[in-house]
Protein backbone atom coordinates (compact mmCIF):
# COMPACT_ATOMS: atom_id res chain seq x y z
CA MET A 1 31.86 -14.75 32.33
CA LYS A 2 30.38 -11.86 30.49
CA GLN A 3 26.87 -10.65 31.47
CA GLN A 4 25.89 -10.88 27.81
CA THR A 5 26.69 -14.59 27.69
CA ILE A 6 24.57 -15.16 30.79
CA GLU A 7 21.57 -13.16 29.41
CA GLU A 8 21.67 -15.08 26.13
CA GLY A 9 21.71 -18.47 27.80
CA LYS A 10 19.31 -17.77 30.64
CA SER A 11 16.07 -18.94 28.92
CA LEU A 12 17.66 -22.28 27.78
CA ALA A 13 19.22 -22.68 31.25
CA VAL A 14 15.78 -22.50 32.93
CA ILE A 15 14.21 -24.82 30.32
CA SER A 16 16.91 -27.43 31.04
CA TYR A 17 15.33 -28.04 34.47
CA LEU A 18 11.77 -28.71 33.04
CA THR A 19 11.60 -32.47 32.88
CA ILE A 20 13.79 -34.67 30.69
CA ILE A 21 12.15 -33.36 27.54
CA GLY A 22 13.13 -29.77 28.48
CA SER A 23 16.68 -30.97 29.15
CA VAL A 24 16.85 -32.59 25.71
CA ILE A 25 15.46 -29.56 24.00
CA ALA A 26 17.91 -27.22 25.74
CA ILE A 27 20.90 -29.45 24.88
CA ILE A 28 19.90 -29.58 21.20
CA MET A 29 19.26 -25.83 20.99
CA ASN A 30 22.57 -25.10 22.64
CA GLY A 31 24.37 -27.39 20.15
CA GLU A 32 24.78 -24.78 17.54
CA LYS A 33 25.91 -21.76 19.51
CA LYS A 34 27.80 -23.14 22.52
CA ASN A 35 26.97 -21.07 25.55
CA GLU A 36 28.95 -21.90 28.64
CA PHE A 37 26.29 -20.74 31.00
CA THR A 38 23.63 -22.90 29.30
CA SER A 39 25.90 -25.87 29.10
CA PHE A 40 26.49 -25.70 32.85
CA HIS A 41 22.77 -25.75 33.58
CA ASN A 42 22.13 -28.40 30.89
CA ARG A 43 24.40 -30.80 32.85
CA GLN A 44 22.75 -29.89 36.13
CA GLY A 45 19.22 -30.21 34.76
CA LEU A 46 19.79 -33.40 32.92
CA GLY A 47 21.49 -34.98 35.98
CA LEU A 48 18.71 -33.90 38.23
CA CYS A 49 15.89 -35.23 35.92
CA LEU A 50 17.71 -38.65 35.62
CA LEU A 51 18.30 -38.79 39.39
CA TRP A 52 14.59 -37.94 39.91
CA MET A 53 13.55 -40.92 37.59
CA ILE A 54 16.03 -43.35 39.12
CA ILE A 55 15.30 -42.61 42.75
CA GLY A 56 11.57 -42.24 42.07
CA TYR A 57 11.47 -45.80 40.75
CA PHE A 58 12.93 -47.13 43.92
CA VAL A 59 10.74 -44.94 46.19
CA SER A 60 7.68 -46.10 44.45
CA GLN A 61 8.45 -49.68 45.52
CA PHE A 62 8.04 -48.84 49.27
CA ASP A 63 4.33 -47.80 49.09
CA ASN A 64 4.90 -45.58 52.10
CA MET A 65 3.53 -42.01 52.17
CA GLN A 66 6.28 -40.64 54.46
CA ILE A 67 9.09 -41.86 52.12
CA SER A 68 7.21 -40.52 49.17
CA ILE A 69 6.75 -37.11 50.73
CA ALA A 70 10.36 -36.89 51.72
CA PHE A 71 11.39 -37.73 48.17
CA TRP A 72 9.12 -35.19 46.61
CA VAL A 73 10.12 -32.43 49.01
CA SER A 74 13.92 -32.97 48.74
CA MET A 75 13.82 -33.33 44.85
CA GLY A 76 11.52 -30.36 44.65
CA ALA A 77 13.98 -28.29 46.77
CA LEU A 78 16.92 -29.24 44.49
CA LEU A 79 14.87 -28.43 41.47
CA PHE A 80 13.91 -25.02 42.82
CA LEU A 81 17.60 -24.25 43.75
CA GLY A 82 18.61 -25.12 40.21
CA VAL A 83 15.99 -22.96 38.58
CA MET A 84 16.74 -20.07 40.85
CA THR A 85 20.46 -20.16 40.18
CA ALA A 86 19.68 -20.14 36.48
CA ILE A 87 17.27 -17.17 36.84
CA ASN A 88 19.77 -15.23 38.97
CA GLY A 89 22.54 -15.88 36.36
CA THR A 90 24.89 -17.76 38.65
CA MET A 91 26.74 -21.01 38.00
CA LYS A 92 26.47 -22.47 41.47
CA PRO A 93 26.11 -26.32 41.44
CA ILE A 94 23.17 -28.03 43.04
CA PRO A 95 24.11 -29.06 46.65
CA PHE A 96 25.44 -32.56 47.17
CA VAL A 97 24.96 -33.84 43.57
CA GLY A 98 25.85 -30.90 41.38
CA PRO A 99 29.59 -31.42 41.27
CA ILE A 100 28.92 -35.13 40.36
CA PHE A 101 26.70 -34.08 37.43
CA GLN A 102 29.41 -31.72 36.20
CA LYS A 103 31.98 -34.56 36.11
CA LEU A 104 29.58 -37.21 34.76
CA PHE A 105 28.32 -35.04 31.90
CA LYS A 106 31.58 -33.07 31.24
CA GLY A 107 31.42 -33.72 27.53
CA LEU A 108 27.96 -32.31 27.20
CA GLY A 109 28.05 -28.80 25.69
CA ASN A 110 31.75 -28.61 24.99
């Protein structure tokens, strides 16, 4: 992939990790001019935001501080890794769940 393509899509790639609203904004803004780098991170960011909401719903049912802290730390680490790969200009999937997001949302951004 060309460095110019990465530089053009970097800002939207980072925005895609900022909550579900950021993911939707990045997907819409990438709709006109398809950027492969941004599309990759859109799939990662959307998947991570949806995973955060789904697992967060179940974790909230436990009412246990240890489970909640483990959830927040692990999801925060995955979010941090995603943002850092976008900033560094690489297309490395998020560990464990990244390849699943790429397959699940493969039609997004094509």
